[in-house]
Each structure stands twice: as C-alpha cells, then as structure tokens.
Amino acid sequence: MKKITLIVSAGLFCCFGFAQSFLSPVTSPIEGVKLGKESDIKISLADKRPTNSSVQGSSSYWLNYAYANDQNIGPGVSVANFNYLFWDSLPLVKFGSVYDHPWINNLGDVLDVSSSVFSGAISGYNMNKSSAYTLDSMGVEYAYVRNFSDGDAVDTLVVQLYNNSTSANMPTYYFTKQQANYGQDTVFFKAQKYTYSNNSANAVGVVTIKVPLTKADTAIKQTRFKYFNTNAFAVPAGKLLAVAVTFKPGYSYALNDTLKNIFNFVSYEEQGSGSGASAGLGTFPVYYTCGVAKVSTCDWNVSSIVRNSERYNESGNSWNGLFVPSYAFVQKYAFEHHSFSYKVTPTNVGINDVSLDKVTVQNIPNPFNDNTYISYELVEGANVTLEIFDLTGKKVQTINEGRKFAGSHNIQFNGGNLQAGVYFYTLTAGETRVTKRMTLVK
C-alpha cells in the first residue's frame, strides 16, 4: 500500500492511507470493471469543439485542459475513459455484465488560464496571471442514451460556476511523498468544497445554470460536446474558475429501478493507461511549476469527483465535505482531467497587451538538436532571467542575463545533457513573464 499525506496549507493535517487501486470503497464487488469502456461507444481525441482560430479574432479562446495537455505531451498518448454521472445512487446501471448503483454523483474542475499547458498548445496565446476574463460559454463531452418511453422528457445538466475571489472557496492542500521517483516530494492543488445535503458545491458566489438534455442530444456511438451559454461569468485577474457538474433525470425512479436515460462523462488519463511506476505511463499526472513563493510544484488545473462516500457523508470517510481530486487515485489516474471546454474572453486586454508588448520571445530552431537560440526583444530595459522546465514541472536550468537594455538579444541554450522531449522556457523581463514551448530531439 502506498501512503499519501494530505496537509492543509493553514497548518492542520491528517493522514490517509489509500490502496493503490483505490477508486471507491474496497467493499464494492465490481470495482475492477467500473473503469471499463463499452465497446459500442467511440471515444477519441478528435477535436469536436470550435477551433481556437474561429474565435481568436475577437480575442477569445476555447480552452480544454485535457486536449491541450495531450498536445504538449504528444498527441495520442492520453487515454479516454467514461463513466456514469448520476444525481444519487438509487437506480441500477450496467457495468460490463453486472448491474450496480452509479458511484459518481458530481464532477469538479478548476481552471487556471495562466498554465503553460495552454501557451504551449495554442499559437499566440497571451493570457497570464494578470488576465481578468469572462467565461462566455462552456462544453461538456459526453455519451447520452435515452430509453424512457416519454420521448419529450427533459433531463438536466446542473452546472455550478464560481471563482476564488473569496479565498475560502478553494483552500490549498498538498500531498507529500507521492512521487519520489520523479524527484518531487510535494504537489499542491486547489480543493473544491462540497455539501452532501443538496449535492452542491460549497462556495460563496455560486451561479447555477440548468442545461436541458432532450432527444436531440442523444449520443450513442460517439461522444459529443454539449455547449451552453454561461452569461459572461466574470473571473478577476489572478483568480481561478471552479465548476461543478451533475446530471438529473426528467422522470421519477425508485430504489433499484434500472436507469432509463443514461449520461456518461469523459475524462482522460494524460499519460496513457498503466499500473504503477514500472509501467512508465498512466502513473502520475504532469505537474507544472506555479512560480508562486513557497509553491514549487502544483497543478491548479485539477479535476475531481464526488463518490457515494461523500454524497452520503459516510461515517469514517476522510474526504467528506470535499470533491476528491485525481491525486487521490494513486494508480491508474482514470479521471485526471474531465473533458470540459471553456470559451474565455480577456477583459483587460489593453493592460495585458501593454505588458506583453514589452518583450517578444522565440527560439530558433525548434525542434532543435542540442543547441537553440532564444531570441528576445525588449521595448525598455529590464533585468532578464531565463528558466527551463521539463514536463514534470522540474526546473532544469536557470540563466541570469542581468540588466539588458532595450533592443534585440539572444541566449544560446544547450540541451546536450538533457533527454529528448518537450520543455518549457520562461523568460522574465522585469514584471513581464513569457512562457513558450520547445522540443529537444536527439
């Protein structure tokens, strides 16, 4: 058994031991088949959301962390999973050849638009920690089967939106001693709080949107995205967006009724399927350095679930009152990143443009073999530092350029002592930080 320590940043702590296959209570008789994919549903990384190019002209972006991260790691590496999403656990659903109660009752997701995942995947992406924005619309990837005899019955996706302008909305936690083989001892994440009595996010300023699902939304052979308007939900500069999603049927049901209308959500294992460190893939998520004092390794883009244990506030369950993040799934991170797409529009574009116009950065050649030149141009003088990170978020090199005058400059970077792969470099010039992606080949 691998043991994880969960620590609250405020100083309180408690310890949890998780079996490596921990995905729901170990008493469940069908645990092993709950992650299987039905053979008649096709789930792939084919991009069904609007492309970034269709909205960039209006300074908007479609962001899907699962898709962007797959592009950074290497297209086709991520593995898709799906599972039932249902409001409670009363009815029965089919897992392979066995019927049992649904065990995932709510989905959580945190979005950090400043992540280098997006700048590495989207050409010209210019959102950072100083970016305020509105969430204009959203999409949820799904499979949806309707068998209820009343074809006009309307099911509902219940979507909750909020941000952490109130800091208590998303407390910071961290796991320790989780991936020593990666050279990282601590990973930070933002937790979403949960209220079991009404199966809702527990936060200040929550906006609830009810999205109808009708017969026209049926998706049986291939997953689709359900898009809906989010009424320009505002996220202030430096803050994070949080989302909670659940599914409620439009008809009545009783204990042990076989569920008629079925909704499946889609999530990705970002480094493929696997079973433990020896497999190489499907072990740990990719963590990125946040650049915040005393927070060296974190991933604010974290997806979570509410299981039956939290839904019913079961006695002795250490996760009561919280969505359970993917980091709790020590082995086979099947639900690392839910496939949610967000259309965001920066609202302080003028401020960002002035800041970003102070420095332009590119590296040539890219991809490169051992040597590349990182060229940058300053509008005004500034102290310049270049930092190189690998895909785990580990800093592999720092180059201090010192004070540089306005004009063009070059930094020769030699990656001869590094392994081939994708790296991120962050150039800091005064108060401006620009992160770009580069690929080292051998």
Protein backbone atom coordinates (compact mmCIF):
# COMPACT_ATOMS: atom_id res chain seq x y z
CA MET A 1 0.00 0.00 0.00
CA LYS A 2 1.30 3.42 -0.93
CA LYS A 3 0.60 6.04 1.69
CA ILE A 4 -0.19 9.67 0.98
CA THR A 5 -0.19 12.51 3.46
CA LEU A 6 -2.71 15.27 2.90
CA ILE A 7 -1.81 18.57 4.53
CA VAL A 8 -3.88 21.74 4.78
CA SER A 9 -1.85 24.82 3.95
CA ALA A 10 -3.13 26.57 7.06
CA GLY A 11 -1.18 24.08 9.13
CA LEU A 12 -3.78 21.46 10.08
CA PHE A 13 -3.06 17.99 8.84
CA CYS A 14 -4.37 14.46 8.79
CA CYS A 15 -3.19 11.28 7.22
CA PHE A 16 -4.93 8.99 4.75
CA GLY A 17 -3.83 5.59 3.59
CA PHE A 18 -5.03 4.57 0.13
CA ALA A 19 -4.76 1.22 -1.56
CA GLN A 20 -3.10 1.56 -4.94
CA SER A 21 -6.33 0.57 -6.69
CA PHE A 22 -8.40 2.98 -4.56
CA LEU A 23 -11.21 4.38 -6.69
CA SER A 24 -14.23 3.69 -4.48
CA PRO A 25 -14.91 1.71 -1.27
CA VAL A 26 -13.00 -1.59 -1.32
CA THR A 27 -16.17 -3.44 -0.33
CA SER A 28 -17.58 -2.87 -3.83
CA PRO A 29 -17.85 -6.27 -5.57
CA ILE A 30 -17.43 -4.87 -9.10
CA GLU A 31 -14.61 -2.39 -8.56
CA GLY A 32 -12.48 -3.86 -11.33
CA VAL A 33 -14.99 -3.25 -14.13
CA LYS A 34 -16.14 0.23 -13.24
CA LEU A 35 -13.47 1.83 -15.39
CA GLY A 36 -14.07 -0.25 -18.49
CA LYS A 37 -15.19 1.35 -21.75
CA GLU A 38 -18.25 0.00 -23.52
CA SER A 39 -17.25 -1.39 -26.92
CA ASP A 40 -20.02 0.40 -28.83
CA ILE A 41 -19.03 3.92 -27.76
CA LYS A 42 -16.14 5.55 -29.58
CA ILE A 43 -14.05 7.96 -27.52
CA SER A 44 -11.08 9.64 -29.15
CA LEU A 45 -9.12 12.86 -29.11
CA ALA A 46 -10.82 14.05 -32.29
CA ASP A 47 -11.47 17.73 -31.59
CA LYS A 48 -15.21 18.35 -31.72
CA ARG A 49 -15.16 21.76 -30.06
CA PRO A 50 -14.86 25.03 -32.01
CA THR A 51 -11.27 25.68 -33.04
CA ASN A 52 -9.25 28.45 -31.47
CA SER A 53 -8.81 30.11 -34.86
CA SER A 54 -12.56 30.67 -35.11
CA VAL A 55 -12.63 32.90 -32.06
CA GLN A 56 -9.14 34.36 -31.72
CA GLY A 57 -10.09 37.32 -33.92
CA SER A 58 -12.32 38.50 -31.09
CA SER A 59 -9.54 37.88 -28.52
CA SER A 60 -11.33 34.80 -27.19
CA TYR A 61 -10.05 31.25 -26.71
CA TRP A 62 -11.55 27.80 -26.39
CA LEU A 63 -9.63 26.02 -23.60
CA ASN A 64 -9.76 22.28 -22.92
CA TYR A 65 -7.03 21.26 -20.49
CA ALA A 66 -7.21 17.55 -21.33
CA TYR A 67 -6.77 18.22 -25.04
CA ALA A 68 -4.06 20.86 -24.61
CA ASN A 69 -2.07 18.68 -22.25
CA ASP A 70 -2.27 15.77 -24.67
CA GLN A 71 -0.86 18.02 -27.38
CA ASN A 72 2.04 19.05 -25.14
CA ILE A 73 2.88 15.52 -24.04
CA GLY A 74 2.41 14.09 -27.52
CA PRO A 75 -0.83 13.65 -29.47
CA GLY A 76 -2.39 10.24 -28.97
CA VAL A 77 -0.70 9.49 -25.64
CA SER A 78 -3.73 10.26 -23.50
CA VAL A 79 -6.36 7.56 -22.99
CA ALA A 80 -10.06 8.39 -22.70
CA ASN A 81 -12.34 6.86 -20.07
CA PHE A 82 -16.02 7.32 -19.44
CA ASN A 83 -18.31 6.56 -16.55
CA TYR A 84 -21.86 7.16 -15.38
CA LEU A 85 -22.79 10.51 -13.84
CA PHE A 86 -25.96 10.49 -11.77
CA TRP A 87 -27.52 12.65 -9.06
CA ASP A 88 -27.71 9.85 -6.47
CA SER A 89 -27.05 6.11 -6.21
CA LEU A 90 -30.62 4.75 -6.02
CA PRO A 91 -31.07 3.22 -9.51
CA LEU A 92 -29.08 0.46 -11.20
CA VAL A 93 -26.77 0.79 -14.19
CA LYS A 94 -24.80 -1.78 -16.11
CA PHE A 95 -21.05 -2.18 -15.60
CA GLY A 96 -19.98 -4.73 -18.21
CA SER A 97 -22.23 -7.70 -17.46
CA VAL A 98 -23.08 -6.63 -13.90
CA TYR A 99 -25.72 -4.21 -12.63
CA ASP A 100 -24.89 -1.98 -9.69
CA HIS A 101 -25.56 1.52 -8.40
CA PRO A 102 -23.85 4.53 -10.01
CA TRP A 103 -20.99 5.73 -7.82
CA ILE A 104 -20.04 9.16 -9.22
CA ASN A 105 -22.56 11.84 -8.28
CA ASN A 106 -20.82 15.12 -9.17
CA LEU A 107 -17.82 16.35 -11.16
CA GLY A 108 -15.47 19.15 -10.18
CA ASP A 109 -12.96 21.10 -12.26
CA VAL A 110 -10.61 24.02 -11.59
CA LEU A 111 -9.30 26.16 -14.48
CA ASP A 112 -6.10 28.24 -14.38
CA VAL A 113 -5.83 30.16 -17.65
CA SER A 114 -2.18 31.09 -16.93
CA SER A 115 -0.97 27.49 -17.23
CA SER A 116 1.90 26.89 -19.66
CA VAL A 117 -0.19 23.98 -20.97
CA PHE A 118 -2.29 26.47 -22.92
CA SER A 119 0.56 28.68 -24.12
CA GLY A 120 2.36 25.55 -25.27
CA ALA A 121 -0.62 24.28 -27.27
CA ILE A 122 -2.20 27.47 -28.65
CA SER A 123 -0.25 29.71 -31.00
CA GLY A 124 -0.35 33.35 -29.93
CA TYR A 125 -1.93 32.61 -26.56
CA ASN A 126 -1.40 35.63 -24.32
CA MET A 127 -3.34 35.05 -21.09
CA ASN A 128 -1.37 35.09 -17.84
CA LYS A 129 -1.82 35.65 -14.11
CA SER A 130 -2.75 39.28 -14.77
CA SER A 131 -5.63 38.34 -17.06
CA ALA A 132 -9.18 39.01 -15.95
CA TYR A 133 -11.73 37.32 -18.19
CA THR A 134 -15.31 36.25 -18.70
CA LEU A 135 -16.45 32.68 -19.24
CA ASP A 136 -18.82 33.14 -22.17
CA SER A 137 -19.80 29.53 -22.86
CA MET A 138 -18.81 26.01 -21.95
CA GLY A 139 -18.92 22.49 -23.37
CA VAL A 140 -19.08 19.08 -21.66
CA GLU A 141 -18.03 15.97 -23.60
CA TYR A 142 -20.49 13.12 -23.10
CA ALA A 143 -22.31 9.99 -24.26
CA TYR A 144 -26.10 10.00 -23.71
CA VAL A 145 -28.66 7.21 -24.11
CA ARG A 146 -32.43 7.78 -23.90
CA ASN A 147 -34.67 4.75 -23.30
CA PHE A 148 -37.50 6.35 -21.35
CA SER A 149 -40.85 5.87 -23.12
CA ASP A 150 -41.77 9.54 -22.90
CA GLY A 151 -39.63 10.95 -25.69
CA ASP A 152 -40.36 14.51 -24.61
CA ALA A 153 -38.92 14.10 -21.10
CA VAL A 154 -36.23 16.67 -20.42
CA ASP A 155 -33.19 15.66 -18.40
CA THR A 156 -30.89 18.31 -16.94
CA LEU A 157 -27.21 19.01 -16.51
CA VAL A 158 -26.87 21.11 -13.37
CA VAL A 159 -23.76 23.30 -13.71
CA GLN A 160 -22.37 25.49 -10.93
CA LEU A 161 -19.78 28.23 -11.51
CA TYR A 162 -17.73 30.23 -9.01
CA ASN A 163 -14.25 31.67 -8.52
CA ASN A 164 -11.93 32.13 -5.56
CA SER A 165 -12.33 35.86 -5.06
CA THR A 166 -13.37 34.54 -1.66
CA SER A 167 -10.22 32.59 -0.80
CA ALA A 168 -12.10 30.04 1.31
CA ASN A 169 -13.88 28.84 -1.85
CA MET A 170 -10.80 26.85 -2.89
CA PRO A 171 -8.44 26.04 0.00
CA THR A 172 -4.92 24.93 -0.90
CA TYR A 173 -3.91 21.40 0.05
CA TYR A 174 -0.88 19.34 -0.78
CA PHE A 175 0.13 15.71 -0.98
CA THR A 176 3.62 14.67 0.10
CA LYS A 177 5.96 11.75 -0.66
CA GLN A 178 3.84 10.81 -3.63
CA GLN A 179 6.32 10.59 -6.49
CA ALA A 180 9.82 10.44 -5.09
CA ASN A 181 10.94 8.61 -8.22
CA TYR A 182 10.20 11.84 -10.14
CA GLY A 183 12.30 13.89 -7.74
CA GLN A 184 9.27 15.74 -6.41
CA ASP A 185 8.14 15.44 -2.81
CA THR A 186 5.17 17.78 -2.73
CA VAL A 187 2.35 18.67 -5.10
CA PHE A 188 -0.18 21.41 -4.36
CA PHE A 189 -3.80 21.51 -5.56
CA LYS A 190 -6.88 23.66 -5.09
CA ALA A 191 -9.71 21.80 -3.36
CA GLN A 192 -13.41 22.27 -4.06
CA LYS A 193 -15.68 22.06 -1.04
CA TYR A 194 -18.89 20.03 -1.16
CA THR A 195 -22.27 19.97 0.65
CA TYR A 196 -23.80 16.49 0.68
CA SER A 197 -27.30 17.52 1.75
CA ASN A 198 -28.03 19.12 -1.64
CA ASN A 199 -25.20 17.60 -3.73
CA SER A 200 -23.73 21.03 -4.45
CA ALA A 201 -20.51 22.97 -4.39
CA ASN A 202 -19.95 24.73 -1.08
CA ALA A 203 -18.76 28.21 -2.01
CA VAL A 204 -19.63 31.90 -1.94
CA GLY A 205 -20.95 33.47 -5.14
CA VAL A 206 -22.10 30.28 -6.88
CA VAL A 207 -24.03 30.75 -10.13
CA THR A 208 -26.20 27.76 -11.13
CA ILE A 209 -27.05 27.04 -14.77
CA LYS A 210 -29.55 24.33 -15.75
CA VAL A 211 -28.83 22.83 -19.17
CA PRO A 212 -31.70 20.79 -20.73
CA LEU A 213 -30.94 17.49 -22.47
CA THR A 214 -33.52 16.24 -24.96
CA LYS A 215 -33.82 13.50 -27.55
CA ALA A 216 -31.83 15.66 -29.99
CA ASP A 217 -28.79 15.38 -27.68
CA THR A 218 -28.61 11.58 -27.95
CA ALA A 219 -25.04 10.35 -28.44
CA ILE A 220 -24.64 6.57 -28.52
CA LYS A 221 -21.95 5.57 -31.00
CA GLN A 222 -19.61 8.50 -30.48
CA THR A 223 -19.13 11.14 -27.81
CA ARG A 224 -20.28 14.71 -28.41
CA PHE A 225 -19.96 18.09 -26.72
CA LYS A 226 -22.97 19.79 -25.14
CA TYR A 227 -22.42 23.57 -25.38
CA PHE A 228 -24.28 26.16 -23.33
CA ASN A 229 -24.13 29.86 -22.53
CA THR A 230 -22.57 30.89 -19.22
CA ASN A 231 -23.70 34.53 -19.35
CA ALA A 232 -20.22 36.11 -19.29
CA PHE A 233 -19.38 34.77 -15.81
CA ALA A 234 -16.57 37.02 -14.54
CA VAL A 235 -13.23 35.80 -13.16
CA PRO A 236 -10.98 38.57 -11.76
CA ALA A 237 -7.27 38.78 -12.54
CA GLY A 238 -5.19 36.20 -10.70
CA LYS A 239 -8.21 34.11 -9.72
CA LEU A 240 -9.29 30.60 -10.65
CA LEU A 241 -12.56 29.32 -12.11
CA ALA A 242 -14.28 26.35 -10.46
CA VAL A 243 -17.05 24.25 -12.00
CA ALA A 244 -19.31 21.52 -10.61
CA VAL A 245 -21.49 19.38 -12.91
CA THR A 246 -24.11 16.73 -12.19
CA PHE A 247 -26.95 15.01 -14.09
CA LYS A 248 -30.63 14.86 -13.02
CA PRO A 249 -33.21 12.81 -14.97
CA GLY A 250 -36.53 14.28 -16.01
CA TYR A 251 -38.58 11.36 -14.73
CA SER A 252 -39.18 9.68 -11.39
CA TYR A 253 -37.44 6.49 -10.28
CA ALA A 254 -37.23 4.33 -7.17
CA LEU A 255 -34.59 2.26 -5.39
CA ASN A 256 -33.14 -0.45 -7.64
CA ASP A 257 -35.00 0.70 -10.75
CA THR A 258 -32.93 0.13 -13.88
CA LEU A 259 -31.91 3.57 -15.11
CA LYS A 260 -33.52 4.53 -18.43
CA ASN A 261 -31.83 7.73 -19.56
CA ILE A 262 -28.09 7.44 -19.08
CA PHE A 263 -25.41 10.16 -19.12
CA ASN A 264 -21.70 9.34 -19.31
CA PHE A 265 -18.94 11.90 -18.80
CA VAL A 266 -15.50 11.69 -20.45
CA SER A 267 -12.10 12.05 -18.76
CA TYR A 268 -8.52 11.44 -19.82
CA GLU A 269 -5.52 9.68 -18.38
CA GLU A 270 -2.98 12.19 -19.60
CA GLN A 271 -0.04 9.80 -19.88
CA GLY A 272 -1.95 6.77 -21.06
CA SER A 273 -3.13 3.69 -19.25
CA GLY A 274 -0.78 1.89 -16.90
CA SER A 275 -0.45 0.30 -13.49
CA GLY A 276 2.29 1.67 -11.32
CA ALA A 277 5.67 3.33 -11.67
CA SER A 278 7.25 0.38 -13.50
CA ALA A 279 4.83 0.80 -16.41
CA GLY A 280 6.12 4.29 -17.19
CA LEU A 281 2.76 5.57 -18.41
CA GLY A 282 -0.51 6.08 -16.60
CA THR A 283 1.24 6.59 -13.27
CA PHE A 284 1.46 10.21 -12.17
CA PRO A 285 -0.01 13.37 -13.68
CA VAL A 286 2.26 16.04 -15.12
CA TYR A 287 2.79 18.82 -12.60
CA TYR A 288 3.83 22.33 -13.54
CA THR A 289 5.78 24.89 -11.54
CA CYS A 290 3.45 27.69 -10.46
CA GLY A 291 6.03 30.38 -9.81
CA VAL A 292 4.42 31.34 -6.52
CA ALA A 293 6.50 31.84 -3.38
CA LYS A 294 6.82 28.57 -1.43
CA VAL A 295 4.76 26.73 -4.06
CA SER A 296 7.26 24.98 -6.29
CA THR A 297 5.20 22.17 -7.78
CA CYS A 298 1.49 22.39 -8.38
CA ASP A 299 -1.28 21.96 -10.88
CA TRP A 300 -4.17 24.32 -10.34
CA ASN A 301 -5.96 22.66 -13.29
CA VAL A 302 -7.30 19.70 -11.35
CA SER A 303 -10.43 17.62 -11.92
CA SER A 304 -12.33 15.90 -9.13
CA ILE A 305 -15.32 13.66 -8.45
CA VAL A 306 -17.89 13.15 -5.70
CA ARG A 307 -18.35 9.46 -4.93
CA ASN A 308 -21.13 7.81 -2.96
CA SER A 309 -18.93 8.12 0.14
CA GLU A 310 -19.03 11.93 0.01
CA ARG A 311 -22.56 12.08 -1.41
CA TYR A 312 -23.95 10.36 1.70
CA ASN A 313 -21.37 11.67 4.17
CA GLU A 314 -20.45 8.12 5.16
CA SER A 315 -19.00 7.66 8.61
CA GLY A 316 -15.23 7.42 8.69
CA ASN A 317 -14.74 8.85 5.20
CA SER A 318 -11.85 11.32 5.30
CA TRP A 319 -13.00 13.12 2.15
CA ASN A 320 -16.40 14.20 3.47
CA GLY A 321 -17.03 17.85 2.63
CA LEU A 322 -14.72 17.84 -0.41
CA PHE A 323 -14.62 16.82 -4.04
CA VAL A 324 -11.99 14.07 -4.36
CA PRO A 325 -9.13 15.18 -6.69
CA SER A 326 -7.47 12.84 -9.14
CA TYR A 327 -4.33 12.84 -6.99
CA ALA A 328 -6.17 10.57 -4.55
CA PHE A 329 -6.20 7.86 -7.22
CA VAL A 330 -2.71 6.55 -6.64
CA GLN A 331 -2.81 4.07 -9.50
CA LYS A 332 -4.37 4.43 -12.97
CA TYR A 333 -5.48 8.05 -12.83
CA ALA A 334 -8.58 7.35 -14.84
CA PHE A 335 -10.31 10.68 -14.21
CA GLU A 336 -7.34 13.06 -14.19
CA HIS A 337 -8.91 15.69 -16.44
CA HIS A 338 -12.59 15.84 -17.33
CA SER A 339 -13.17 16.89 -20.92
CA PHE A 340 -14.68 20.32 -20.33
CA SER A 341 -14.18 23.11 -22.86
CA TYR A 342 -14.30 26.78 -21.87
CA LYS A 343 -14.68 29.82 -24.12
CA VAL A 344 -12.93 32.66 -22.31
CA THR A 345 -12.57 36.31 -23.29
CA PRO A 346 -9.93 38.52 -21.60
CA THR A 347 -11.50 41.70 -20.22
CA ASN A 348 -8.29 43.63 -19.54
CA VAL A 349 -6.75 43.09 -22.97
CA GLY A 350 -5.31 46.59 -23.12
CA ILE A 351 -3.35 46.10 -19.91
CA ASN A 352 -2.10 42.68 -21.00
CA ASP A 353 -1.09 43.91 -24.42
CA VAL A 354 0.99 46.72 -22.95
CA SER A 355 2.71 44.28 -20.62
CA LEU A 356 3.33 41.61 -23.26
CA ASP A 357 4.46 44.15 -25.84
CA LYS A 358 7.43 44.91 -23.63
CA VAL A 359 9.08 41.67 -24.69
CA THR A 360 8.76 39.23 -27.61
CA VAL A 361 10.38 35.79 -27.44
CA GLN A 362 11.05 32.89 -29.79
CA ASN A 363 13.61 30.12 -30.14
CA ILE A 364 15.23 29.01 -33.40
CA PRO A 365 15.49 26.24 -34.41
CA ASN A 366 12.53 24.48 -32.83
CA PRO A 367 12.61 21.47 -32.65
CA PHE A 368 16.36 21.51 -32.01
CA ASN A 369 19.23 19.08 -31.52
CA ASP A 370 21.36 20.12 -28.53
CA ASN A 371 21.54 23.85 -29.36
CA THR A 372 18.91 26.51 -29.93
CA TYR A 373 18.96 30.30 -29.76
CA ILE A 374 16.27 32.00 -27.68
CA SER A 375 15.82 35.46 -29.15
CA TYR A 376 14.02 38.21 -27.31
CA GLU A 377 13.38 41.88 -27.88
CA LEU A 378 12.81 44.45 -25.14
CA VAL A 379 10.89 47.68 -25.57
CA GLU A 380 12.54 49.03 -22.44
CA GLY A 381 15.44 47.97 -20.24
CA ALA A 382 14.86 45.25 -17.66
CA ASN A 383 16.53 42.53 -15.59
CA VAL A 384 16.23 39.29 -17.54
CA THR A 385 16.15 35.67 -16.36
CA LEU A 386 15.55 32.51 -18.39
CA GLU A 387 14.22 29.34 -16.70
CA ILE A 388 13.87 25.91 -18.37
CA PHE A 389 11.34 23.32 -17.10
CA ASP A 390 10.67 19.72 -18.08
CA LEU A 391 7.18 18.23 -18.41
CA THR A 392 7.03 17.31 -14.70
CA GLY A 393 7.49 20.97 -13.82
CA LYS A 394 11.03 20.40 -12.57
CA LYS A 395 13.37 23.31 -13.26
CA VAL A 396 16.38 22.00 -15.17
CA GLN A 397 18.33 25.21 -15.76
CA THR A 398 18.36 28.93 -14.90
CA ILE A 399 20.24 31.56 -16.90
CA ASN A 400 20.56 35.02 -15.34
CA GLU A 401 21.11 37.60 -18.08
CA GLY A 402 21.30 40.54 -15.69
CA ARG A 403 20.27 44.01 -16.76
CA LYS A 404 19.59 44.33 -20.51
CA PHE A 405 18.89 47.50 -22.46
CA ALA A 406 16.04 47.91 -24.95
CA GLY A 407 16.65 46.09 -28.21
CA SER A 408 17.28 42.56 -29.52
CA HIS A 409 19.17 39.89 -27.59
CA ASN A 410 19.98 36.17 -27.92
CA ILE A 411 20.57 33.39 -25.41
CA GLN A 412 22.24 30.19 -26.59
CA PHE A 413 20.72 27.20 -24.83
CA ASN A 414 22.48 23.85 -24.88
CA GLY A 415 20.37 20.81 -24.07
CA GLY A 416 23.05 18.24 -24.69
CA ASN A 417 22.80 16.89 -21.14
CA LEU A 418 19.01 16.58 -21.25
CA GLN A 419 16.77 13.80 -22.51
CA ALA A 420 14.79 14.31 -25.71
CA GLY A 421 11.29 15.64 -25.14
CA VAL A 422 9.13 18.72 -24.67
CA TYR A 423 10.39 21.55 -22.46
CA PHE A 424 9.02 24.93 -21.46
CA TYR A 425 11.11 28.05 -21.12
CA THR A 426 10.02 31.13 -19.20
CA LEU A 427 11.70 34.46 -19.88
CA THR A 428 11.21 37.03 -17.13
CA ALA A 429 11.92 40.65 -18.01
CA GLY A 430 11.10 42.94 -15.11
CA GLU A 431 7.45 42.30 -14.26
CA THR A 432 6.72 40.50 -17.53
CA ARG A 433 6.86 36.71 -17.89
CA VAL A 434 6.50 34.89 -21.20
CA THR A 435 6.38 31.08 -21.43
CA LYS A 436 6.95 29.16 -24.66
CA ARG A 437 7.30 25.52 -25.64
CA MET A 438 10.31 23.90 -27.33
CA THR A 439 11.15 20.33 -28.37
CA LEU A 440 14.56 18.71 -27.95
CA VAL A 441 15.32 15.85 -30.36
CA LYS A 442 18.30 13.51 -30.28
